[in-house]
Amino acid sequence: MDEKNRKENRKGLMVQVRGLRFLRGSNVIFDGVDLDIRRGQVTAIMGPSGTGKTTLLRLLGGQLRPDSGTILVDGEEVPRLSRKQLYRLRQRMGMLFQSGALFTDLNVFENVAFPLREHTALPEPIIRDLVLIKLQAVGLRGTAPMMPAELSGGMARRVALARAIALDPMMIMYDEPFTGQDPTSKGVIVQLVRLLNDALGMTSIIVSHDVNETAAIADYIYLISEGRVVGQGTPDALRRDPSPWVDQFLNALPDGPVPFHYPAPDYAEDLLAGADFG
């Protein structure tokens, strides 16, 4: 990518993906995917299960390398970065894992303090203040001395979010943040994603298949299926999209471009064939 495009990328786009192709063995996960993720916005990557949404986050973070195409994050071409350069870039990227991934043998305070101790040389009094600030932001300052096993699922997810923003990242990636949450906890996390994005001036990428929650806070949505982008736009624009792919996903239809039946021989022939599946 030439220097002019790099400068434009730094101005308006946090992430730019062009012609992304990625395979696992002979299985094509992405085949010519283009994405633009604007700075300061909440962008959602949605689609049916098994379409590679979490794989996309790993590609953006440099854990995986594409077979072809370009991936730019804050003007840096991720697949071409050295280990040291990638490490520096990751320090400016937060990640909220689907499981929360808290350290079970550390209390809440130590979990949130971990990235600050790992990546900075700040004195302990400042680390203490920063940890309490982050926990206050997610409404859980009072849990500082508690162990992860003492937290509810929703509380653990919020502590993980406090840890993800500990270093004030430029961008945070959420991997299915609403999965497994009760309605109240889900509502709290939805509100926090939007609030923290705007208050901290971050860029947020949400991978999810929870349509209503994600559409409520996303500025822009990409819908991915069978290795390509099948729909994109603001939530309102997508609801008006005539594409059968978009219609099936947004309205939870059981059959459509993603078929109800897995490919199989003719039903009558299969019943009469007497084949042994043991």
C-alpha atoms as a PDB file:
ATOM      1  CA  MET A   1       0.000   0.000   0.000  1.00  0.00           C
ATOM      2  CA  ASP A   2       1.431   3.412  -0.974  1.00  0.00           C
ATOM      3  CA  GLU A   3       2.148   6.193   1.524  1.00  0.00           C
ATOM      4  CA  LYS A   4      -0.855   8.276   0.416  1.00  0.00           C
ATOM      5  CA  ASN A   5      -3.265   5.448   1.267  1.00  0.00           C
ATOM      6  CA  ARG A   6      -1.484   4.847   4.566  1.00  0.00           C
ATOM      7  CA  LYS A   7      -1.988   8.495   5.544  1.00  0.00           C
ATOM      8  CA  GLU A   8      -5.660   8.354   4.603  1.00  0.00           C
ATOM      9  CA  ASN A   9      -5.983   5.181   6.634  1.00  0.00           C
ATOM     10  CA  ARG A  10      -4.510   6.859   9.717  1.00  0.00           C
ATOM     11  CA  LYS A  11      -6.930   9.785   9.391  1.00  0.00           C
ATOM     12  CA  GLY A  12     -10.286   8.072   9.155  1.00  0.00           C
ATOM     13  CA  LEU A  13      -9.881   4.322   9.417  1.00  0.00           C
ATOM     14  CA  MET A  14      -8.608   2.273  12.304  1.00  0.00           C
ATOM     15  CA  VAL A  15      -8.766  -0.970  10.317  1.00  0.00           C
ATOM     16  CA  GLN A  16      -8.671  -1.546   6.595  1.00  0.00           C
ATOM     17  CA  VAL A  17      -8.916  -5.032   5.111  1.00  0.00           C
ATOM     18  CA  ARG A  18      -8.612  -5.670   1.381  1.00  0.00           C
ATOM     19  CA  GLY A  19      -8.926  -8.934  -0.526  1.00  0.00           C
ATOM     20  CA  LEU A  20      -8.579 -11.075   2.596  1.00  0.00           C
ATOM     21  CA  ARG A  21      -8.240 -14.758   1.819  1.00  0.00           C
ATOM     22  CA  PHE A  22      -7.652 -17.320   4.557  1.00  0.00           C
ATOM     23  CA  LEU A  23      -7.796 -21.098   4.441  1.00  0.00           C
ATOM     24  CA  ARG A  24      -7.610 -23.892   7.006  1.00  0.00           C
ATOM     25  CA  GLY A  25      -6.350 -26.800   4.979  1.00  0.00           C
ATOM     26  CA  SER A  26      -8.688 -26.980   1.995  1.00  0.00           C
ATOM     27  CA  ASN A  27     -11.482 -25.165   3.850  1.00  0.00           C
ATOM     28  CA  VAL A  28     -11.890 -21.559   2.655  1.00  0.00           C
ATOM     29  CA  ILE A  29     -12.738 -19.334   5.646  1.00  0.00           C
ATOM     30  CA  PHE A  30     -12.474 -15.955   3.893  1.00  0.00           C
ATOM     31  CA  ASP A  31     -12.452 -15.405   0.161  1.00  0.00           C
ATOM     32  CA  GLY A  32     -11.926 -11.794  -0.883  1.00  0.00           C
ATOM     33  CA  VAL A  33     -13.244  -9.967   2.190  1.00  0.00           C
ATOM     34  CA  ASP A  34     -13.032  -6.147   2.314  1.00  0.00           C
ATOM     35  CA  LEU A  35     -13.684  -4.237   5.552  1.00  0.00           C
ATOM     36  CA  ASP A  36     -13.353  -0.608   6.675  1.00  0.00           C
ATOM     37  CA  ILE A  37     -13.589   0.084  10.409  1.00  0.00           C
ATOM     38  CA  ARG A  38     -13.755   3.776  11.193  1.00  0.00           C
ATOM     39  CA  ARG A  39     -12.081   5.398  14.174  1.00  0.00           C
ATOM     40  CA  GLY A  40     -14.301   6.151  17.132  1.00  0.00           C
ATOM     41  CA  GLN A  41     -17.128   3.912  15.967  1.00  0.00           C
ATOM     42  CA  VAL A  42     -18.612   0.651  17.180  1.00  0.00           C
ATOM     43  CA  THR A  43     -18.452  -1.794  14.272  1.00  0.00           C
ATOM     44  CA  ALA A  44     -20.071  -5.218  14.428  1.00  0.00           C
ATOM     45  CA  ILE A  45     -19.019  -8.355  12.580  1.00  0.00           C
ATOM     46  CA  MET A  46     -21.999 -10.679  12.484  1.00  0.00           C
ATOM     47  CA  GLY A  47     -22.971 -13.921  10.845  1.00  0.00           C
ATOM     48  CA  PRO A  48     -23.991 -17.519  11.470  1.00  0.00           C
ATOM     49  CA  SER A  49     -21.902 -19.736  13.742  1.00  0.00           C
ATOM     50  CA  GLY A  50     -18.820 -21.189  12.092  1.00  0.00           C
ATOM     51  CA  THR A  51     -18.295 -18.363   9.603  1.00  0.00           C
ATOM     52  CA  GLY A  52     -14.905 -17.309  10.998  1.00  0.00           C
ATOM     53  CA  LYS A  53     -15.837 -14.255  13.048  1.00  0.00           C
ATOM     54  CA  THR A  54     -13.400 -15.050  15.859  1.00  0.00           C
ATOM     55  CA  THR A  55     -10.799 -16.045  13.254  1.00  0.00           C
ATOM     56  CA  LEU A  56     -11.097 -12.526  11.859  1.00  0.00           C
ATOM     57  CA  LEU A  57     -10.185 -11.052  15.249  1.00  0.00           C
ATOM     58  CA  ARG A  58      -7.119 -13.304  15.358  1.00  0.00           C
ATOM     59  CA  LEU A  59      -6.093 -12.086  11.926  1.00  0.00           C
ATOM     60  CA  LEU A  60      -6.460  -8.458  13.030  1.00  0.00           C
ATOM     61  CA  GLY A  61      -4.367  -9.175  16.122  1.00  0.00           C
ATOM     62  CA  GLY A  62      -1.657 -10.978  14.180  1.00  0.00           C
ATOM     63  CA  GLN A  63      -2.139 -14.395  15.814  1.00  0.00           C
ATOM     64  CA  LEU A  64      -2.917 -15.725  12.340  1.00  0.00           C
ATOM     65  CA  ARG A  65      -1.582 -14.706   8.932  1.00  0.00           C
ATOM     66  CA  PRO A  66      -3.744 -14.474   5.817  1.00  0.00           C
ATOM     67  CA  ASP A  67      -3.022 -16.492   2.699  1.00  0.00           C
ATOM     68  CA  SER A  68      -3.404 -13.284   0.695  1.00  0.00           C
ATOM     69  CA  GLY A  69      -4.733  -9.750   1.009  1.00  0.00           C
ATOM     70  CA  THR A  70      -3.823  -6.812   3.249  1.00  0.00           C
ATOM     71  CA  ILE A  71      -4.735  -6.041   6.852  1.00  0.00           C
ATOM     72  CA  LEU A  72      -3.921  -2.562   8.162  1.00  0.00           C
ATOM     73  CA  VAL A  73      -4.460  -1.575  11.789  1.00  0.00           C
ATOM     74  CA  ASP A  74      -3.706   2.067  12.582  1.00  0.00           C
ATOM     75  CA  GLY A  75      -1.725   2.231   9.342  1.00  0.00           C
ATOM     76  CA  GLU A  76       0.418  -0.814  10.203  1.00  0.00           C
ATOM     77  CA  GLU A  77       0.341  -3.780   7.821  1.00  0.00           C
ATOM     78  CA  VAL A  78      -0.144  -6.483  10.448  1.00  0.00           C
ATOM     79  CA  PRO A  79       1.076  -9.584   8.537  1.00  0.00           C
ATOM     80  CA  ARG A  80       4.392  -7.864   7.763  1.00  0.00           C
ATOM     81  CA  LEU A  81       5.218  -6.722  11.276  1.00  0.00           C
ATOM     82  CA  SER A  82       8.146  -8.203  13.138  1.00  0.00           C
ATOM     83  CA  ARG A  83       7.509  -9.894  16.476  1.00  0.00           C
ATOM     84  CA  LYS A  84       8.664  -6.758  18.304  1.00  0.00           C
ATOM     85  CA  GLN A  85       6.504  -4.433  16.182  1.00  0.00           C
ATOM     86  CA  LEU A  86       3.481  -6.703  16.616  1.00  0.00           C
ATOM     87  CA  TYR A  87       4.014  -6.759  20.385  1.00  0.00           C
ATOM     88  CA  ARG A  88       3.986  -2.934  20.460  1.00  0.00           C
ATOM     89  CA  LEU A  89       0.822  -2.797  18.362  1.00  0.00           C
ATOM     90  CA  ARG A  90      -0.957  -5.295  20.604  1.00  0.00           C
ATOM     91  CA  GLN A  91      -0.254  -3.112  23.630  1.00  0.00           C
ATOM     92  CA  ARG A  92      -2.637  -0.584  22.058  1.00  0.00           C
ATOM     93  CA  MET A  93      -5.341  -3.182  21.416  1.00  0.00           C
ATOM     94  CA  GLY A  94      -7.695  -4.518  24.090  1.00  0.00           C
ATOM     95  CA  MET A  95      -9.461  -7.861  23.870  1.00  0.00           C
ATOM     96  CA  LEU A  96     -12.523  -9.157  25.703  1.00  0.00           C
ATOM     97  CA  PHE A  97     -12.635 -12.923  25.322  1.00  0.00           C
ATOM     98  CA  GLN A  98     -15.926 -14.798  25.238  1.00  0.00           C
ATOM     99  CA  SER A  99     -14.988 -16.670  28.410  1.00  0.00           C
ATOM    100  CA  GLY A 100     -13.657 -13.571  30.174  1.00  0.00           C
ATOM    101  CA  ALA A 101     -10.345 -15.449  30.686  1.00  0.00           C
ATOM    102  CA  LEU A 102      -9.702 -14.107  34.176  1.00  0.00           C
ATOM    103  CA  PHE A 103      -6.788 -15.584  36.100  1.00  0.00           C
ATOM    104  CA  THR A 104      -8.540 -17.825  38.596  1.00  0.00           C
ATOM    105  CA  ASP A 105      -5.752 -17.668  41.204  1.00  0.00           C
ATOM    106  CA  LEU A 106      -5.664 -13.841  41.262  1.00  0.00           C
ATOM    107  CA  ASN A 107      -8.293 -11.613  42.843  1.00  0.00           C
ATOM    108  CA  VAL A 108     -10.178  -8.974  40.883  1.00  0.00           C
ATOM    109  CA  PHE A 109      -7.724  -6.189  41.704  1.00  0.00           C
ATOM    110  CA  GLU A 110      -4.716  -8.264  40.614  1.00  0.00           C
ATOM    111  CA  ASN A 111      -6.453  -9.337  37.398  1.00  0.00           C
ATOM    112  CA  VAL A 112      -6.998  -5.736  36.332  1.00  0.00           C
ATOM    113  CA  ALA A 113      -3.528  -4.707  37.531  1.00  0.00           C
ATOM    114  CA  PHE A 114      -1.847  -7.480  35.529  1.00  0.00           C
ATOM    115  CA  PRO A 115      -1.471  -5.658  32.167  1.00  0.00           C
ATOM    116  CA  LEU A 116      -0.307  -2.498  33.943  1.00  0.00           C
ATOM    117  CA  ARG A 117       2.443  -4.423  35.725  1.00  0.00           C
ATOM    118  CA  GLU A 118       3.308  -6.399  32.598  1.00  0.00           C
ATOM    119  CA  HIS A 119       3.597  -3.484  30.181  1.00  0.00           C
ATOM    120  CA  THR A 120       4.486  -0.428  32.279  1.00  0.00           C
ATOM    121  CA  ALA A 121       6.909   0.623  34.990  1.00  0.00           C
ATOM    122  CA  LEU A 122       4.335   2.634  36.905  1.00  0.00           C
ATOM    123  CA  PRO A 123       4.713   2.829  40.688  1.00  0.00           C
ATOM    124  CA  GLU A 124       2.266   0.836  42.790  1.00  0.00           C
ATOM    125  CA  PRO A 125       0.266   3.853  44.083  1.00  0.00           C
ATOM    126  CA  ILE A 126      -0.543   4.864  40.488  1.00  0.00           C
ATOM    127  CA  ILE A 127      -1.368   1.285  39.503  1.00  0.00           C
ATOM    128  CA  ARG A 128      -3.716   1.106  42.483  1.00  0.00           C
ATOM    129  CA  ASP A 129      -5.513   4.290  41.431  1.00  0.00           C
ATOM    130  CA  LEU A 130      -5.783   3.183  37.794  1.00  0.00           C
ATOM    131  CA  VAL A 131      -7.211  -0.208  38.741  1.00  0.00           C
ATOM    132  CA  LEU A 132      -9.843   1.402  40.948  1.00  0.00           C
ATOM    133  CA  ILE A 133     -10.704   3.874  38.172  1.00  0.00           C
ATOM    134  CA  LYS A 134     -11.227   1.031  35.659  1.00  0.00           C
ATOM    135  CA  LEU A 135     -13.300  -1.000  38.119  1.00  0.00           C
ATOM    136  CA  GLN A 136     -15.381   2.078  38.914  1.00  0.00           C
ATOM    137  CA  ALA A 137     -16.001   2.539  35.180  1.00  0.00           C
ATOM    138  CA  VAL A 138     -17.613  -0.904  34.970  1.00  0.00           C
ATOM    139  CA  GLY A 139     -19.441  -0.505  38.282  1.00  0.00           C
ATOM    140  CA  LEU A 140     -17.428  -3.102  40.219  1.00  0.00           C
ATOM    141  CA  ARG A 141     -14.953  -1.216  42.402  1.00  0.00           C
ATOM    142  CA  GLY A 142     -16.396  -3.019  45.426  1.00  0.00           C
ATOM    143  CA  THR A 143     -15.309  -6.402  44.034  1.00  0.00           C
ATOM    144  CA  ALA A 144     -11.569  -5.569  44.119  1.00  0.00           C
ATOM    145  CA  PRO A 145     -10.679  -8.092  46.885  1.00  0.00           C
ATOM    146  CA  MET A 146     -12.933 -10.874  45.533  1.00  0.00           C
ATOM    147  CA  MET A 147     -11.780 -13.973  43.653  1.00  0.00           C
ATOM    148  CA  PRO A 148     -13.169 -14.789  40.185  1.00  0.00           C
ATOM    149  CA  ALA A 149     -15.005 -17.841  41.598  1.00  0.00           C
ATOM    150  CA  GLU A 150     -17.043 -15.482  43.790  1.00  0.00           C
ATOM    151  CA  LEU A 151     -18.338 -13.483  40.814  1.00  0.00           C
ATOM    152  CA  SER A 152     -21.445 -14.075  38.752  1.00  0.00           C
ATOM    153  CA  GLY A 153     -20.991 -14.639  35.020  1.00  0.00           C
ATOM    154  CA  GLY A 154     -21.977 -11.069  34.203  1.00  0.00           C
ATOM    155  CA  MET A 155     -19.682  -9.623  36.859  1.00  0.00           C
ATOM    156  CA  ALA A 156     -16.747 -11.694  35.594  1.00  0.00           C
ATOM    157  CA  ARG A 157     -17.341 -10.384  32.074  1.00  0.00           C
ATOM    158  CA  ARG A 158     -17.314  -6.798  33.390  1.00  0.00           C
ATOM    159  CA  VAL A 159     -14.078  -7.361  35.335  1.00  0.00           C
ATOM    160  CA  ALA A 160     -12.554  -8.736  32.141  1.00  0.00           C
ATOM    161  CA  LEU A 161     -13.688  -5.550  30.410  1.00  0.00           C
ATOM    162  CA  ALA A 162     -11.988  -3.436  33.094  1.00  0.00           C
ATOM    163  CA  ARG A 163      -8.797  -5.383  32.456  1.00  0.00           C
ATOM    164  CA  ALA A 164      -9.166  -4.930  28.677  1.00  0.00           C
ATOM    165  CA  ILE A 165      -9.253  -1.129  29.062  1.00  0.00           C
ATOM    166  CA  ALA A 166      -6.510  -0.972  31.711  1.00  0.00           C
ATOM    167  CA  LEU A 167      -3.918   0.364  29.238  1.00  0.00           C
ATOM    168  CA  ASP A 168      -6.349   2.802  27.569  1.00  0.00           C
ATOM    169  CA  PRO A 169      -6.256   1.003  24.205  1.00  0.00           C
ATOM    170  CA  MET A 170      -6.967   2.737  20.921  1.00  0.00           C
ATOM    171  CA  MET A 171      -9.117  -0.232  19.894  1.00  0.00           C
ATOM    172  CA  ILE A 172     -10.915  -3.025  21.726  1.00  0.00           C
ATOM    173  CA  MET A 173     -12.195  -6.263  20.220  1.00  0.00           C
ATOM    174  CA  TYR A 174     -15.135  -8.100  21.781  1.00  0.00           C
ATOM    175  CA  ASP A 175     -15.580 -11.811  21.072  1.00  0.00           C
ATOM    176  CA  GLU A 176     -19.253 -12.677  21.654  1.00  0.00           C
ATOM    177  CA  PRO A 177     -19.580 -10.359  24.692  1.00  0.00           C
ATOM    178  CA  PHE A 178     -23.293 -11.073  25.237  1.00  0.00           C
ATOM    179  CA  THR A 179     -23.224 -14.876  25.048  1.00  0.00           C
ATOM    180  CA  GLY A 180     -24.442 -16.721  28.143  1.00  0.00           C
ATOM    181  CA  GLN A 181     -25.614 -13.591  29.957  1.00  0.00           C
ATOM    182  CA  ASP A 182     -28.990 -13.122  31.635  1.00  0.00           C
ATOM    183  CA  PRO A 183     -31.096 -10.193  30.321  1.00  0.00           C
ATOM    184  CA  THR A 184     -29.964  -7.794  33.048  1.00  0.00           C
ATOM    185  CA  SER A 185     -26.254  -8.586  32.678  1.00  0.00           C
ATOM    186  CA  LYS A 186     -26.587  -8.437  28.908  1.00  0.00           C
ATOM    187  CA  GLY A 187     -28.160  -4.985  29.143  1.00  0.00           C
ATOM    188  CA  VAL A 188     -25.355  -3.752  31.386  1.00  0.00           C
ATOM    189  CA  ILE A 189     -22.656  -4.974  28.996  1.00  0.00           C
ATOM    190  CA  VAL A 190     -24.454  -3.466  25.994  1.00  0.00           C
ATOM    191  CA  GLN A 191     -24.530  -0.103  27.756  1.00  0.00           C
ATOM    192  CA  LEU A 192     -20.884  -0.365  28.849  1.00  0.00           C
ATOM    193  CA  VAL A 193     -19.616  -1.119  25.339  1.00  0.00           C
ATOM    194  CA  ARG A 194     -21.197   2.039  23.962  1.00  0.00           C
ATOM    195  CA  LEU A 195     -20.418   4.209  26.965  1.00  0.00           C
ATOM    196  CA  LEU A 196     -16.747   3.242  27.216  1.00  0.00           C
ATOM    197  CA  ASN A 197     -16.226   3.537  23.470  1.00  0.00           C
ATOM    198  CA  ASP A 198     -17.472   7.122  23.444  1.00  0.00           C
ATOM    199  CA  ALA A 199     -16.048   8.232  26.789  1.00  0.00           C
ATOM    200  CA  LEU A 200     -12.557   6.875  26.113  1.00  0.00           C
ATOM    201  CA  GLY A 201     -12.476   7.750  22.408  1.00  0.00           C
ATOM    202  CA  MET A 202     -11.842   4.149  21.401  1.00  0.00           C
ATOM    203  CA  THR A 203     -12.710   2.113  18.335  1.00  0.00           C
ATOM    204  CA  SER A 204     -14.725  -1.023  19.103  1.00  0.00           C
ATOM    205  CA  ILE A 205     -15.147  -4.201  17.068  1.00  0.00           C
ATOM    206  CA  ILE A 206     -17.870  -6.575  18.226  1.00  0.00           C
ATOM    207  CA  VAL A 207     -18.083 -10.137  16.968  1.00  0.00           C
ATOM    208  CA  SER A 208     -21.559 -11.410  17.767  1.00  0.00           C
ATOM    209  CA  HIS A 209     -24.643 -13.231  16.554  1.00  0.00           C
ATOM    210  CA  ASP A 210     -26.933 -11.450  19.041  1.00  0.00           C
ATOM    211  CA  VAL A 211     -28.860  -9.281  16.598  1.00  0.00           C
ATOM    212  CA  ASN A 212     -30.926  -7.008  18.845  1.00  0.00           C
ATOM    213  CA  GLU A 213     -28.194  -6.206  21.370  1.00  0.00           C
ATOM    214  CA  THR A 214     -25.561  -5.559  18.734  1.00  0.00           C
ATOM    215  CA  ALA A 215     -27.801  -3.490  16.461  1.00  0.00           C
ATOM    216  CA  ALA A 216     -28.734  -1.293  19.442  1.00  0.00           C
ATOM    217  CA  ILE A 217     -25.176   0.046  19.816  1.00  0.00           C
ATOM    218  CA  ALA A 218     -23.400  -0.533  16.488  1.00  0.00           C
ATOM    219  CA  ASP A 219     -22.689   2.343  14.130  1.00  0.00           C
ATOM    220  CA  TYR A 220     -22.018  -0.073  11.262  1.00  0.00           C
ATOM    221  CA  ILE A 221     -22.516  -3.809  10.727  1.00  0.00           C
ATOM    222  CA  TYR A 222     -20.832  -6.307   8.426  1.00  0.00           C
ATOM    223  CA  LEU A 223     -22.671  -9.571   7.839  1.00  0.00           C
ATOM    224  CA  ILE A 224     -20.369 -12.425   6.821  1.00  0.00           C
ATOM    225  CA  SER A 225     -21.349 -15.828   5.481  1.00  0.00           C
ATOM    226  CA  GLU A 226     -19.584 -18.494   3.439  1.00  0.00           C
ATOM    227  CA  GLY A 227     -16.323 -16.574   3.366  1.00  0.00           C
ATOM    228  CA  ARG A 228     -17.583 -13.256   2.078  1.00  0.00           C
ATOM    229  CA  VAL A 229     -19.434 -10.109   3.075  1.00  0.00           C
ATOM    230  CA  VAL A 230     -23.104 -10.661   2.200  1.00  0.00           C
ATOM    231  CA  GLY A 231     -24.425  -7.431   3.682  1.00  0.00           C
ATOM    232  CA  GLN A 232     -23.215  -4.231   5.283  1.00  0.00           C
ATOM    233  CA  GLY A 233     -24.491  -0.880   6.455  1.00  0.00           C
ATOM    234  CA  THR A 234     -25.970   0.909   9.427  1.00  0.00           C
ATOM    235  CA  PRO A 235     -28.474  -1.134  11.457  1.00  0.00           C
ATOM    236  CA  ASP A 236     -31.381   0.754   9.870  1.00  0.00           C
ATOM    237  CA  ALA A 237     -30.000   0.266   6.354  1.00  0.00           C
ATOM    238  CA  LEU A 238     -29.506  -3.463   6.906  1.00  0.00           C
ATOM    239  CA  ARG A 239     -33.091  -3.879   8.074  1.00  0.00           C
ATOM    240  CA  ARG A 240     -34.182  -2.514   4.679  1.00  0.00           C
ATOM    241  CA  ASP A 241     -31.724  -4.680   2.713  1.00  0.00           C
ATOM    242  CA  PRO A 242     -33.647  -7.031   0.352  1.00  0.00           C
ATOM    243  CA  SER A 243     -30.866  -9.656   0.398  1.00  0.00           C
ATOM    244  CA  PRO A 244     -32.158 -13.103   1.444  1.00  0.00           C
ATOM    245  CA  TRP A 245     -28.917 -13.611   3.410  1.00  0.00           C
ATOM    246  CA  VAL A 246     -29.566 -10.499   5.468  1.00  0.00           C
ATOM    247  CA  ASP A 247     -33.267 -11.283   5.867  1.00  0.00           C
ATOM    248  CA  GLN A 248     -32.597 -14.812   7.129  1.00  0.00           C
ATOM    249  CA  PHE A 249     -30.024 -13.726   9.694  1.00  0.00           C
ATOM    250  CA  LEU A 250     -31.720 -10.604  11.057  1.00  0.00           C
ATOM    251  CA  ASN A 251     -35.110 -12.311  11.311  1.00  0.00           C
ATOM    252  CA  ALA A 252     -33.812 -15.678  12.591  1.00  0.00           C
ATOM    253  CA  LEU A 253     -35.427 -17.648   9.762  1.00  0.00           C
ATOM    254  CA  PRO A 254     -34.746 -21.403  10.017  1.00  0.00           C
ATOM    255  CA  ASP A 255     -34.263 -21.918   6.289  1.00  0.00           C
ATOM    256  CA  GLY A 256     -32.892 -19.843   3.446  1.00  0.00           C
ATOM    257  CA  PRO A 257     -29.454 -19.277   1.926  1.00  0.00           C
ATOM    258  CA  VAL A 258     -28.153 -21.090   5.015  1.00  0.00           C
ATOM    259  CA  PRO A 259     -30.241 -24.267   4.587  1.00  0.00           C
ATOM    260  CA  PHE A 260     -31.964 -26.158   7.378  1.00  0.00           C
ATOM    261  CA  HIS A 261     -30.884 -29.495   5.891  1.00  0.00           C
ATOM    262  CA  TYR A 262     -27.222 -30.471   5.725  1.00  0.00           C
ATOM    263  CA  PRO A 263     -26.375 -31.799   2.217  1.00  0.00           C
ATOM    264  CA  ALA A 264     -27.450 -35.447   1.925  1.00  0.00           C
ATOM    265  CA  PRO A 265     -28.519 -38.002  -0.709  1.00  0.00           C
ATOM    266  CA  ASP A 266     -32.123 -38.170  -1.849  1.00  0.00           C
ATOM    267  CA  TYR A 267     -34.274 -38.900   1.211  1.00  0.00           C
ATOM    268  CA  ALA A 268     -36.321 -41.750  -0.292  1.00  0.00           C
ATOM    269  CA  GLU A 269     -33.259 -43.429  -1.783  1.00  0.00           C
ATOM    270  CA  ASP A 270     -31.413 -43.095   1.517  1.00  0.00           C
ATOM    271  CA  LEU A 271     -34.268 -44.777   3.408  1.00  0.00           C
ATOM    272  CA  LEU A 272     -34.471 -47.660   0.936  1.00  0.00           C
ATOM    273  CA  ALA A 273     -30.716 -48.151   0.492  1.00  0.00           C
ATOM    274  CA  GLY A 274     -30.233 -49.780   3.877  1.00  0.00           C
ATOM    275  CA  ALA A 275     -26.776 -48.226   4.245  1.00  0.00           C
ATOM    276  CA  ASP A 276     -24.874 -48.973   7.460  1.00  0.00           C
ATOM    277  CA  PHE A 277     -23.727 -45.812   9.255  1.00  0.00           C
ATOM    278  CA  GLY A 278     -22.102 -47.655  12.166  1.00  0.00           C
END
